[in-house]
Protein backbone atom coordinates (compact mmCIF):
# COMPACT_ATOMS: atom_id res chain seq x y z
CA MET A 1 -45.10 48.76 -124.79
CA SER A 2 -48.81 48.06 -124.23
CA LYS A 3 -51.29 50.63 -125.47
CA TYR A 4 -52.54 50.80 -121.87
CA ASN A 5 -49.12 52.04 -120.73
CA GLU A 6 -48.12 54.26 -123.62
CA HIS A 7 -48.31 57.92 -122.55
CA LEU A 8 -50.36 56.82 -119.51
CA ASP A 9 -47.76 57.52 -116.85
CA ARG A 10 -48.16 57.83 -113.12
CA ASN A 11 -48.11 61.48 -112.11
CA ALA A 12 -49.08 63.83 -109.28
CA ALA A 13 -52.59 64.21 -110.73
CA ASN A 14 -53.44 60.50 -110.77
CA PHE A 15 -51.40 58.94 -107.97
CA ALA A 16 -50.61 59.64 -104.35
CA PRO A 17 -48.83 57.36 -101.89
CA LEU A 18 -51.12 55.68 -99.38
CA SER A 19 -50.52 57.00 -95.88
CA PRO A 20 -52.65 57.30 -92.73
CA LEU A 21 -51.44 60.89 -92.49
CA SER A 22 -54.03 61.66 -95.18
CA PHE A 23 -56.79 60.58 -92.78
CA LEU A 24 -55.90 63.26 -90.27
CA GLU A 25 -55.62 65.94 -92.91
CA ARG A 26 -59.06 65.14 -94.35
CA THR A 27 -60.82 64.83 -91.00
CA ALA A 28 -59.36 68.13 -89.77
CA SER A 29 -60.57 69.79 -92.99
CA VAL A 30 -64.06 68.30 -92.97
CA TYR A 31 -64.73 68.13 -89.22
CA PRO A 32 -62.40 70.67 -87.58
CA ASP A 33 -64.74 71.27 -84.63
CA ARG A 34 -65.57 67.62 -83.92
CA LEU A 35 -64.18 66.19 -80.72
CA ALA A 36 -60.95 64.22 -81.24
CA ILE A 37 -59.39 63.57 -77.82
CA VAL A 38 -60.75 63.26 -74.29
CA HIS A 39 -58.32 63.08 -71.36
CA GLY A 40 -59.42 64.16 -67.92
CA ASP A 41 -60.72 67.72 -68.36
CA LEU A 42 -59.07 68.04 -71.80
CA ARG A 43 -61.38 68.26 -74.82
CA GLN A 44 -59.40 68.66 -78.05
CA THR A 45 -60.96 68.96 -81.54
CA TRP A 46 -59.67 67.49 -84.75
CA GLY A 47 -58.69 70.97 -85.96
CA GLN A 48 -56.66 71.54 -82.80
CA THR A 49 -55.15 68.06 -83.04
CA TYR A 50 -54.03 68.64 -86.62
CA ARG A 51 -52.36 71.91 -85.68
CA ARG A 52 -50.57 70.33 -82.74
CA CYS A 53 -49.36 67.42 -84.88
CA ARG A 54 -47.97 69.88 -87.42
CA GLN A 55 -46.30 71.79 -84.62
CA LEU A 56 -44.75 68.61 -83.31
CA ALA A 57 -43.47 67.77 -86.82
CA SER A 58 -42.09 71.28 -87.21
CA ALA A 59 -40.37 71.20 -83.78
CA LEU A 60 -38.78 67.86 -84.58
CA HIS A 61 -37.60 69.23 -87.93
CA GLN A 62 -36.06 72.23 -86.17
CA ALA A 63 -34.34 69.83 -83.76
CA GLY A 64 -32.61 68.15 -86.69
CA VAL A 65 -34.94 65.19 -87.13
CA GLY A 66 -35.50 64.17 -90.73
CA LYS A 67 -36.40 61.29 -93.00
CA ASN A 68 -35.72 57.83 -91.54
CA ASP A 69 -34.59 59.17 -88.20
CA THR A 70 -36.16 57.41 -85.22
CA VAL A 71 -38.23 59.08 -82.53
CA ALA A 72 -38.89 56.85 -79.53
CA VAL A 73 -41.75 57.44 -77.09
CA MET A 74 -42.32 55.97 -73.64
CA LEU A 75 -45.96 56.88 -73.15
CA PRO A 76 -49.26 55.47 -71.90
CA ASN A 77 -52.53 56.03 -73.78
CA THR A 78 -52.52 59.82 -73.45
CA PRO A 79 -52.89 62.74 -75.92
CA PRO A 80 -49.13 62.98 -76.66
CA MET A 81 -49.23 59.34 -77.78
CA VAL A 82 -52.09 60.06 -80.18
CA GLU A 83 -50.25 63.11 -81.54
CA ALA A 84 -46.99 61.19 -81.94
CA HIS A 85 -48.68 58.78 -84.39
CA PHE A 86 -49.09 61.68 -86.79
CA GLY A 87 -46.57 64.35 -85.83
CA VAL A 88 -43.55 62.03 -85.93
CA PRO A 89 -44.14 60.63 -89.47
CA MET A 90 -45.16 64.12 -90.65
CA SER A 91 -41.56 65.09 -89.94
CA GLY A 92 -40.39 62.19 -92.09
CA ALA A 93 -39.21 60.29 -89.06
CA VAL A 94 -40.13 56.77 -87.86
CA LEU A 95 -42.11 56.31 -84.65
CA ASN A 96 -40.83 53.75 -82.14
CA THR A 97 -43.40 53.17 -79.39
CA LEU A 98 -41.62 51.54 -76.47
CA ASN A 99 -43.32 48.90 -74.34
CA THR A 100 -43.79 50.53 -70.93
CA ARG A 101 -43.52 47.19 -69.07
CA LEU A 102 -40.00 46.33 -70.22
CA ASP A 103 -36.84 46.37 -68.11
CA ALA A 104 -34.09 49.01 -68.38
CA GLU A 105 -31.64 46.77 -70.22
CA THR A 106 -34.11 45.87 -72.96
CA LEU A 107 -35.16 49.51 -73.40
CA ALA A 108 -31.51 50.56 -73.69
CA PHE A 109 -31.02 47.93 -76.40
CA MET A 110 -34.01 49.25 -78.33
CA LEU A 111 -32.85 52.86 -78.15
CA ASP A 112 -29.46 51.81 -79.47
CA HIS A 113 -30.71 49.38 -82.12
CA GLY A 114 -33.29 51.81 -83.47
CA GLU A 115 -30.78 54.70 -83.28
CA ALA A 116 -33.31 56.98 -81.60
CA LYS A 117 -32.51 60.70 -81.91
CA VAL A 118 -35.39 61.90 -79.69
CA LEU A 119 -37.10 60.30 -76.70
CA ILE A 120 -40.44 61.53 -75.35
CA VAL A 121 -41.16 60.27 -71.81
CA ASP A 122 -44.27 60.30 -69.62
CA PRO A 123 -43.74 61.17 -65.90
CA GLU A 124 -44.80 57.66 -64.91
CA PHE A 125 -41.73 56.19 -66.62
CA THR A 126 -38.94 58.72 -65.94
CA ALA A 127 -37.43 56.62 -63.15
CA LEU A 128 -37.26 53.57 -65.41
CA MET A 129 -35.77 55.55 -68.31
CA ALA A 130 -33.26 57.15 -65.96
CA LYS A 131 -31.96 53.61 -65.36
CA ALA A 132 -32.07 52.72 -69.08
CA LEU A 133 -30.25 55.75 -70.51
CA PRO A 134 -26.88 55.06 -68.85
CA LEU A 135 -27.01 51.48 -70.19
CA ARG A 136 -26.94 52.67 -73.80
CA LYS A 137 -23.81 51.69 -75.69
CA SER A 138 -24.30 54.37 -78.33
CA THR A 139 -22.57 57.72 -77.79
CA ALA A 140 -24.86 59.48 -80.28
CA PRO A 141 -26.78 62.40 -78.74
CA LEU A 142 -30.35 61.72 -77.64
CA THR A 143 -32.74 64.58 -76.99
CA VAL A 144 -35.09 63.76 -74.08
CA ILE A 145 -38.45 65.51 -73.83
CA ARG A 146 -40.58 65.09 -70.72
CA VAL A 147 -44.38 65.08 -70.70
CA GLU A 148 -46.32 66.67 -67.88
CA ASP A 149 -49.70 65.20 -66.99
CA ALA A 150 -51.86 66.42 -64.11
CA LEU A 151 -53.69 63.08 -64.07
CA TYR A 152 -50.46 61.40 -62.97
CA GLY A 153 -48.62 64.06 -61.03
CA ASP A 154 -44.93 64.90 -60.86
CA ALA A 155 -42.26 62.68 -62.31
CA ALA A 156 -40.25 60.63 -59.83
CA VAL A 157 -37.03 61.58 -61.64
CA PRO A 158 -36.85 64.75 -63.76
CA LEU A 159 -35.57 64.02 -67.26
CA GLY A 160 -34.83 66.31 -70.16
CA ASN A 161 -34.53 70.05 -70.33
CA THR A 162 -37.76 70.64 -72.27
CA THR A 163 -41.39 69.78 -71.57
CA TYR A 164 -43.48 68.31 -74.32
CA ASP A 165 -45.91 71.23 -74.45
CA ASP A 166 -43.02 73.76 -74.62
CA PHE A 167 -41.36 71.71 -77.37
CA VAL A 168 -44.57 71.52 -79.42
CA ALA A 169 -45.16 75.28 -78.93
CA GLN A 170 -41.88 75.97 -80.70
CA GLY A 171 -43.27 74.43 -83.88
CA ASP A 172 -45.18 76.02 -86.73
CA PRO A 173 -48.91 75.07 -86.76
CA ASP A 174 -48.86 75.64 -90.55
CA PHE A 175 -45.83 73.41 -91.10
CA ALA A 176 -45.77 72.27 -94.72
CA TRP A 177 -45.45 68.54 -94.18
CA GLU A 178 -45.49 66.18 -97.13
CA LEU A 179 -46.71 62.65 -97.81
CA PRO A 180 -43.87 60.14 -98.13
CA ALA A 181 -42.24 60.09 -101.52
CA ASP A 182 -42.86 56.34 -101.52
CA GLU A 183 -45.64 54.56 -99.61
CA TRP A 184 -43.07 51.85 -98.88
CA ASP A 185 -41.23 54.34 -96.65
CA ALA A 186 -41.10 53.34 -92.98
CA ILE A 187 -43.68 54.85 -90.61
CA ALA A 188 -43.14 52.84 -87.42
CA LEU A 189 -40.74 50.52 -85.62
CA ASN A 190 -42.19 47.94 -83.22
CA TYR A 191 -40.13 45.45 -81.25
CA THR A 192 -41.17 41.86 -80.69
CA SER A 193 -41.27 40.50 -77.17
CA GLY A 194 -37.78 39.05 -77.35
CA THR A 195 -38.43 36.06 -75.09
CA THR A 196 -35.30 34.43 -76.49
CA GLY A 197 -32.36 36.66 -77.33
CA ASN A 198 -32.72 40.28 -78.28
CA PRO A 199 -36.08 41.52 -79.55
CA LYS A 200 -36.43 42.00 -83.30
CA GLY A 201 -37.37 45.40 -84.75
CA VAL A 202 -40.45 45.08 -86.97
CA VAL A 203 -40.66 47.85 -89.57
CA TYR A 204 -44.04 49.11 -90.81
CA HIS A 205 -44.58 51.16 -93.98
CA HIS A 206 -47.11 53.88 -94.72
CA ARG A 207 -49.03 51.68 -97.13
CA GLY A 208 -49.52 48.85 -94.66
CA ALA A 209 -50.52 51.21 -91.85
CA ALA A 210 -53.16 52.86 -94.04
CA ILE A 211 -54.47 49.58 -95.39
CA ASN A 212 -54.82 47.90 -91.99
CA ALA A 213 -56.45 51.03 -90.54
CA ILE A 214 -59.10 50.89 -93.28
CA SER A 215 -59.48 47.13 -92.86
CA ASN A 216 -60.32 47.80 -89.20
CA VAL A 217 -63.16 50.02 -90.36
CA LEU A 218 -64.44 47.40 -92.77
CA GLU A 219 -64.23 44.44 -90.39
CA TRP A 220 -66.10 46.33 -87.68
CA ASP A 221 -68.45 48.32 -89.93
CA MET A 222 -67.12 51.19 -87.85
CA PRO A 223 -69.36 54.24 -88.22
CA LYS A 224 -68.41 57.87 -88.60
CA HIS A 225 -67.72 59.61 -85.27
CA ALA A 226 -67.32 56.36 -83.36
CA VAL A 227 -66.18 56.82 -79.75
CA TYR A 228 -63.12 54.63 -79.17
CA LEU A 229 -61.82 53.81 -75.67
CA TRP A 230 -58.08 53.21 -75.38
CA THR A 231 -57.93 50.00 -73.34
CA LEU A 232 -55.38 48.54 -75.79
CA PRO A 233 -51.84 49.93 -75.38
CA MET A 234 -50.85 52.17 -78.27
CA PHE A 235 -47.32 50.81 -77.96
CA HIS A 236 -48.59 47.40 -79.06
CA CYS A 237 -48.57 47.20 -82.89
CA ASN A 238 -49.32 50.95 -82.84
CA GLY A 239 -52.56 50.12 -81.03
CA TRP A 240 -53.30 47.68 -83.88
CA CYS A 241 -53.36 50.75 -86.16
CA PHE A 242 -56.40 52.21 -84.40
CA PRO A 243 -54.92 55.71 -83.90
CA TRP A 244 -55.10 55.95 -87.69
CA THR A 245 -58.46 54.15 -87.87
CA VAL A 246 -60.11 56.62 -85.46
CA ALA A 247 -58.77 59.52 -87.51
CA ALA A 248 -60.21 58.02 -90.71
CA ARG A 249 -63.65 57.91 -89.07
CA ALA A 250 -63.39 61.33 -87.42
CA GLY A 251 -64.00 59.51 -84.17
CA VAL A 252 -63.16 60.27 -80.56
CA ASN A 253 -60.06 59.01 -78.73
CA VAL A 254 -61.02 58.47 -75.11
CA CYS A 255 -57.66 58.18 -73.39
CA LEU A 256 -57.06 55.84 -70.46
CA ARG A 257 -53.80 55.85 -68.49
CA ARG A 258 -54.31 52.32 -67.13
CA VAL A 259 -56.76 49.46 -67.55
CA ASP A 260 -59.15 49.14 -64.63
CA PRO A 261 -62.73 47.80 -64.76
CA GLN A 262 -64.16 50.75 -62.84
CA ASN A 263 -62.42 53.28 -65.12
CA ILE A 264 -63.57 51.39 -68.24
CA PHE A 265 -67.23 51.21 -67.20
CA ASP A 266 -67.15 54.87 -66.09
CA ALA A 267 -65.71 55.92 -69.45
CA ILE A 268 -68.31 53.92 -71.35
CA ARG A 269 -71.12 55.58 -69.39
CA ASN A 270 -69.68 59.11 -69.31
CA HIS A 271 -68.42 59.41 -72.87
CA GLY A 272 -70.76 57.14 -74.84
CA VAL A 273 -68.00 54.72 -75.83
CA THR A 274 -68.99 52.60 -78.83
CA HIS A 275 -65.80 50.59 -79.49
CA TYR A 276 -62.77 49.24 -77.66
CA CYS A 277 -60.14 46.49 -78.10
CA GLY A 278 -58.30 44.25 -75.69
CA ALA A 279 -56.71 40.92 -74.88
CA PRO A 280 -58.87 38.16 -73.34
CA ILE A 281 -57.75 39.15 -69.85
CA VAL A 282 -59.26 42.63 -70.33
CA GLN A 283 -62.58 41.16 -71.43
CA SER A 284 -62.52 38.75 -68.47
CA LEU A 285 -61.97 41.64 -66.04
CA LEU A 286 -65.17 43.22 -67.32
CA VAL A 287 -67.22 40.05 -67.41
CA ASN A 288 -66.22 39.15 -63.84
CA ALA A 289 -66.61 42.67 -62.42
CA PRO A 290 -69.25 43.15 -59.70
CA ALA A 291 -72.79 43.66 -61.00
CA ALA A 292 -73.03 47.07 -59.31
CA MET A 293 -70.03 48.28 -61.37
CA LYS A 294 -71.91 47.49 -64.60
CA GLN A 295 -75.06 49.38 -63.72
CA GLY A 296 -76.13 51.85 -66.41
CA VAL A 297 -73.73 50.51 -69.04
CA PRO A 298 -75.55 50.70 -72.40
CA ALA A 299 -75.94 47.68 -74.64
CA GLY A 300 -74.42 47.60 -78.09
CA VAL A 301 -70.78 48.37 -77.22
CA LYS A 302 -68.50 46.66 -79.75
CA ALA A 303 -65.47 44.89 -78.34
CA MET A 304 -62.62 43.36 -80.31
CA VAL A 305 -60.60 40.55 -78.71
CA ALA A 306 -57.24 39.24 -79.92
CA GLY A 307 -54.90 36.63 -78.59
CA ALA A 308 -56.29 33.43 -77.12
CA ALA A 309 -59.66 32.29 -78.44
CA PRO A 310 -62.59 33.56 -76.33
CA PRO A 311 -64.01 30.70 -74.26
CA ALA A 312 -67.75 30.06 -74.00
CA SER A 313 -67.90 31.70 -70.57
CA MET A 314 -66.46 34.93 -71.95
CA ILE A 315 -68.83 35.00 -74.93
CA GLU A 316 -71.78 34.32 -72.66
CA GLY A 317 -70.64 36.99 -70.20
CA MET A 318 -70.17 39.60 -72.95
CA GLU A 319 -73.62 38.80 -74.32
CA ALA A 320 -75.11 39.20 -70.85
CA MET A 321 -73.65 42.74 -70.74
CA GLY A 322 -75.05 43.43 -74.22
CA PHE A 323 -71.58 43.74 -75.74
CA ASP A 324 -70.85 42.59 -79.29
CA LEU A 325 -67.57 40.62 -79.42
CA THR A 326 -65.43 40.23 -82.55
CA HIS A 327 -62.45 37.85 -82.55
CA VAL A 328 -59.34 38.79 -84.56
CA TYR A 329 -55.86 37.33 -84.93
CA GLY A 330 -52.49 38.55 -86.04
CA LEU A 331 -48.94 39.31 -84.98
CA THR A 332 -46.65 42.31 -84.62
CA GLU A 333 -45.34 41.45 -88.07
CA THR A 334 -48.84 41.82 -89.58
CA TYR A 335 -49.65 45.23 -88.05
CA GLY A 336 -51.76 43.47 -85.45
CA PRO A 337 -54.96 41.76 -86.71
CA ALA A 338 -54.85 40.28 -90.19
CA THR A 339 -57.65 37.72 -89.87
CA VAL A 340 -61.12 38.02 -88.38
CA CYS A 341 -63.72 35.49 -87.30
CA ALA A 342 -66.37 37.01 -89.57
CA GLN A 343 -69.70 36.07 -88.04
CA HIS A 344 -72.78 34.81 -89.87
CA ALA A 345 -76.32 35.72 -88.91
CA GLU A 346 -77.36 32.08 -88.63
CA TRP A 347 -74.81 31.54 -85.85
CA ASP A 348 -77.10 33.58 -83.55
CA GLN A 349 -79.60 30.73 -83.50
CA LEU A 350 -77.08 28.20 -82.20
CA ASP A 351 -76.53 27.25 -78.57
CA ILE A 352 -73.73 28.94 -76.63
CA GLY A 353 -71.41 25.95 -76.93
CA GLU A 354 -71.60 25.83 -80.70
CA ARG A 355 -71.36 29.64 -80.99
CA ALA A 356 -68.24 29.55 -78.85
CA ARG A 357 -66.72 26.85 -81.03
CA LEU A 358 -67.32 28.85 -84.19
CA ASN A 359 -66.28 32.20 -82.69
CA ALA A 360 -63.10 30.70 -81.22
CA ARG A 361 -61.63 30.28 -84.71
CA GLN A 362 -59.13 32.80 -85.99
CA GLY A 363 -61.24 33.11 -89.12
CA VAL A 364 -60.48 34.44 -92.56
CA ARG A 365 -58.20 37.11 -93.99
CA TYR A 366 -58.84 40.80 -93.38
CA HIS A 367 -60.54 42.63 -96.23
CA LEU A 368 -57.37 44.15 -97.62
CA GLN A 369 -54.99 41.30 -96.86
CA ARG A 370 -54.13 39.32 -99.98
CA ASP A 371 -54.20 35.85 -98.41
CA ALA A 372 -54.07 33.84 -95.21
CA GLN A 373 -53.66 30.09 -95.46
CA VAL A 374 -52.61 27.07 -93.46
CA LEU A 375 -49.69 25.58 -95.35
CA ASP A 376 -47.36 22.62 -94.88
CA PRO A 377 -44.12 24.45 -93.97
CA GLU A 378 -42.02 21.83 -95.78
CA THR A 379 -43.89 21.61 -99.09
CA MET A 380 -45.47 25.12 -98.88
CA GLN A 381 -48.71 23.57 -100.12
CA PRO A 382 -52.15 24.14 -98.48
CA VAL A 383 -53.21 21.48 -96.01
CA PRO A 384 -56.58 19.75 -96.60
CA HIS A 385 -59.48 21.89 -95.37
CA ASP A 386 -60.68 19.12 -93.04
CA GLY A 387 -60.37 20.81 -89.66
CA GLU A 388 -57.85 18.14 -88.62
CA THR A 389 -54.64 18.38 -90.67
CA MET A 390 -52.19 20.77 -89.04
CA GLY A 391 -49.92 23.19 -90.81
CA GLU A 392 -48.55 26.68 -90.21
CA ILE A 393 -50.54 29.90 -90.63
CA MET A 394 -48.97 32.05 -93.33
CA PHE A 395 -49.83 35.48 -94.70
CA LYS A 396 -49.24 37.19 -98.00
CA GLY A 397 -50.04 40.64 -99.30
CA ASN A 398 -50.72 44.13 -98.07
CA ILE A 399 -50.64 43.64 -94.32
CA ALA A 400 -47.14 42.38 -93.68
CA MET A 401 -44.07 44.19 -92.34
CA LYS A 402 -41.24 45.45 -94.47
CA GLY A 403 -38.99 43.12 -92.46
CA TYR A 404 -36.78 43.10 -89.38
CA LEU A 405 -34.49 46.08 -88.89
CA LYS A 406 -30.79 45.21 -89.44
CA ASN A 407 -31.61 41.50 -89.48
CA PRO A 408 -31.60 40.20 -93.07
CA GLN A 409 -31.29 36.55 -92.01
CA ALA A 410 -34.44 36.68 -89.85
CA THR A 411 -36.25 38.64 -92.57
CA ASP A 412 -35.40 36.09 -95.24
CA GLU A 413 -36.47 33.24 -93.00
CA ALA A 414 -39.78 34.95 -92.11
CA PHE A 415 -40.61 35.44 -95.81
CA ARG A 416 -39.33 32.07 -97.02
CA GLY A 417 -41.27 30.79 -100.04
CA GLY A 418 -43.08 34.06 -100.64
CA TRP A 419 -45.19 33.90 -97.48
CA PHE A 420 -44.84 35.34 -94.00
CA HIS A 421 -44.41 32.45 -91.56
CA SER A 422 -46.33 33.07 -88.33
CA GLY A 423 -44.99 30.10 -86.35
CA ASP A 424 -48.55 29.26 -85.31
CA LEU A 425 -49.82 25.76 -85.96
CA ALA A 426 -53.42 25.51 -87.12
CA VAL A 427 -56.06 23.67 -89.11
CA GLN A 428 -58.36 24.99 -91.80
CA TYR A 429 -62.04 24.01 -92.01
CA PRO A 430 -64.11 23.29 -95.12
CA ASP A 431 -65.53 26.86 -94.93
CA GLY A 432 -61.99 28.23 -95.08
CA TYR A 433 -61.89 29.38 -91.47
CA ILE A 434 -58.56 28.94 -89.65
CA LYS A 435 -58.20 27.72 -86.07
CA ILE A 436 -54.95 27.79 -84.16
CA LYS A 437 -53.94 24.58 -82.48
CA ASP A 438 -50.71 25.86 -80.97
CA ARG A 439 -47.45 27.67 -81.38
CA SER A 440 -44.90 25.26 -82.80
CA LYS A 441 -42.94 25.49 -79.54
CA ASP A 442 -46.07 24.90 -77.41
CA ILE A 443 -46.93 21.43 -78.72
CA ILE A 444 -46.47 18.95 -75.87
CA ILE A 445 -45.07 15.58 -77.00
CA SER A 446 -46.01 13.00 -74.41
CA GLY A 447 -45.05 9.39 -75.08
CA GLY A 448 -44.79 10.22 -78.78
CA GLU A 449 -48.27 11.72 -78.89
CA ASN A 450 -48.74 15.38 -79.81
CA ILE A 451 -50.91 17.36 -77.32
CA SER A 452 -52.23 20.81 -78.20
CA SER A 453 -51.90 23.07 -75.19
CA ILE A 454 -54.69 25.23 -76.59
CA GLU A 455 -57.06 22.25 -76.71
CA VAL A 456 -56.40 21.54 -73.03
CA GLU A 457 -56.74 25.25 -72.15
CA ASP A 458 -60.13 25.38 -73.93
CA VAL A 459 -61.38 22.64 -71.64
CA LEU A 460 -59.97 24.31 -68.52
CA TYR A 461 -61.71 27.57 -69.42
CA ARG A 462 -65.03 25.71 -69.36
CA HIS A 463 -64.70 25.18 -65.63
CA PRO A 464 -66.81 27.87 -63.93
CA ALA A 465 -64.07 28.70 -61.36
CA VAL A 466 -61.29 29.35 -63.90
CA LEU A 467 -60.47 32.94 -64.78
CA ALA A 468 -57.29 32.30 -66.79
CA ALA A 469 -55.49 29.11 -67.85
CA ALA A 470 -52.18 28.20 -69.45
CA VAL A 471 -50.77 24.77 -70.21
CA VAL A 472 -47.10 24.02 -70.85
CA ALA A 473 -44.90 20.93 -70.99
CA LYS A 474 -43.51 19.56 -67.72
CA PRO A 475 -40.49 17.20 -67.97
CA ASP A 476 -41.40 13.60 -67.12
CA ALA A 477 -39.02 10.68 -66.68
CA LYS A 478 -41.44 8.16 -68.21
CA TRP A 479 -43.35 10.10 -70.89
CA GLY A 480 -40.73 12.71 -71.84
CA GLU A 481 -43.14 15.51 -71.01
CA THR A 482 -46.70 15.83 -69.74
CA PRO A 483 -49.19 18.75 -69.56
CA CYS A 484 -48.84 21.11 -66.60
CA ALA A 485 -51.77 23.51 -66.03
CA PHE A 486 -51.37 26.93 -64.43
CA LEU A 487 -54.72 28.34 -63.28
CA GLU A 488 -55.91 31.75 -62.07
CA ILE A 489 -59.16 31.35 -60.18
CA LYS A 490 -62.07 33.80 -60.08
CA ALA A 491 -62.47 35.88 -56.95
CA GLY A 492 -64.59 34.07 -54.38
CA ALA A 493 -64.40 30.74 -56.17
CA THR A 494 -63.15 27.56 -54.53
CA VAL A 495 -61.73 24.64 -56.44
CA THR A 496 -59.27 21.80 -55.82
CA GLU A 497 -56.76 19.98 -58.00
CA ALA A 498 -59.02 16.94 -57.91
CA ASP A 499 -61.96 19.03 -59.18
CA ILE A 500 -59.90 20.22 -62.15
CA ILE A 501 -58.64 16.72 -62.99
CA THR A 502 -62.18 15.31 -62.86
CA HIS A 503 -63.43 18.10 -65.12
CA CYS A 504 -60.65 17.46 -67.65
CA LYS A 505 -61.23 13.72 -67.72
CA GLN A 506 -64.83 14.38 -68.79
CA HIS A 507 -63.66 16.23 -71.94
CA LEU A 508 -60.19 14.96 -72.82
CA ALA A 509 -58.41 11.73 -73.65
CA GLY A 510 -56.49 10.45 -70.66
CA TYR A 511 -53.04 11.28 -71.99
CA LYS A 512 -54.08 14.92 -72.52
CA VAL A 513 -55.24 15.47 -68.91
CA PRO A 514 -52.76 17.67 -66.97
CA ARG A 515 -50.58 15.69 -64.59
CA ALA A 516 -49.72 18.79 -62.57
CA ILE A 517 -51.85 21.76 -61.45
CA VAL A 518 -50.54 25.08 -60.12
CA PHE A 519 -52.88 27.75 -58.75
CA GLY A 520 -51.94 31.42 -58.67
CA GLU A 521 -51.82 34.66 -60.64
CA LEU A 522 -50.41 34.07 -64.13
CA PRO A 523 -47.54 36.21 -65.42
CA LYS A 524 -48.74 38.44 -68.26
CA THR A 525 -47.30 40.90 -70.71
CA SER A 526 -48.44 44.50 -70.74
CA THR A 527 -50.92 43.59 -73.47
CA GLY A 528 -52.48 40.84 -71.33
CA LYS A 529 -50.85 37.85 -73.00
CA ILE A 530 -49.87 35.05 -70.64
CA GLN A 531 -46.06 34.65 -70.56
CA LYS A 532 -45.69 30.95 -71.24
CA PHE A 533 -41.91 31.17 -71.29
CA GLU A 534 -42.07 32.08 -67.59
CA LEU A 535 -44.41 29.18 -66.90
CA ARG A 536 -42.09 26.75 -68.71
CA LYS A 537 -39.36 27.74 -66.25
CA LEU A 538 -41.70 26.99 -63.34
CA ALA A 539 -42.94 23.72 -64.87
CA GLY A 540 -39.36 22.49 -65.04
CA SER A 541 -38.87 23.09 -61.32
CA ALA A 542 -40.24 21.49 -58.16
CA THR A 543 -42.89 24.19 -57.73
CA ALA A 544 -45.31 22.41 -60.06
CA ILE A 545 -47.44 20.25 -57.77
CA ALA A 546 -48.03 16.77 -59.21
CA VAL A 547 -51.50 15.31 -58.73
């Protein structure tokens, strides 16, 4: 035994499991009277929030919920959702935040697969859950608790025998909760989109949740008492871990039932919002909102965008509003963002086109992630850092899921070779920054030539009339497949198929120019991501207009 291990054991005095629950406990102790939650007329302090979370944990314990049980919630971004992120794991249980945009059959599958013992439902979703519950195959009892919210009104279908507030009131505000015995214990269950087959259940642990929450602070230089607006659904990767991040900074959770430009600008003005997150579509809604709606909005608001790379028009529009945009990238399996396009001061001196090119990259690993590389998936060796050679983005380290619930085969495949395989194809530049070229399934092979749909989309976004763009493969008798562009146009703009084709020919090789253009609203997930699988169905039909 090494001298540095002899009689130098881990014990309660020198080691504690990492958990975001510690953030709430500290903040409530140090800043009990600081504002924690804003929702309509509600103003709740951190001291009050801590007591309510302990009551929720106690009430769940009294209801027979214990370690590794699952508590599912069907909630928008409201105070009960914030409280669930602490109260549920305080009871030892695992939080399953259900996607509020899913269909009844998928929700029933998730309740069964996760073996939920308790379900907490907002009034907005009682009708949907009333359809889902009878579709469950499990005969195990499920306690249903209904939330009441004056900002929404009465539930369409009454569910459950107990209201959320009555249930919480049963609990002990001094409940003696404990940190997990092991930081590897599960804290949350998040389901993937399940575009093919059943969705997979991604399991988070306390350590990863805490580490990504702190990485969020570091990447954003997030100050103490930041005011965070909930434009990002908390059901999505646990709001990218920001419920725990806000608690670590003793910040303010400004709740928002639904994303709407007027509501967002009003909240920024009325509550002094300093930070918010969202998909590109959310940022575009703000950029393209009427000028009158933006009056009085202070400069300096920090926005984080994930998903598709922000086009030049978005960056320019955010700068015009005085907003500071940070681009991050990740997946459900990496607790949300695990890389960031860390900006350099000298970039500010570049023209908008070059700034957009640099900021569109997915960047470098998060502070507390061990590694993020572009590797050849066959050899598992790094690709040359030349900005041209494609490989697959892979992650290793602290910000990666435990694995997929009850799916060892998928877990083993995801972690093959000691790395998490993202499925995203990318290049890596000499400065180490990563840039996605496509999902492996989104590469269009036309006449034997590989076409990156993202490259074509980047060009389409440069057209001043384009609000949103997506490119997928359209079957073609001669070429095998050709690019088909689906475009959502800005309000008041006028553009023709010929205009788009001419624009693309100015920036792309001929074989990359879309052979079909479809105008209309693009199908999106609840987090604002464009549903390409739906567009692939359309591209394979006669509805795609050839030009």
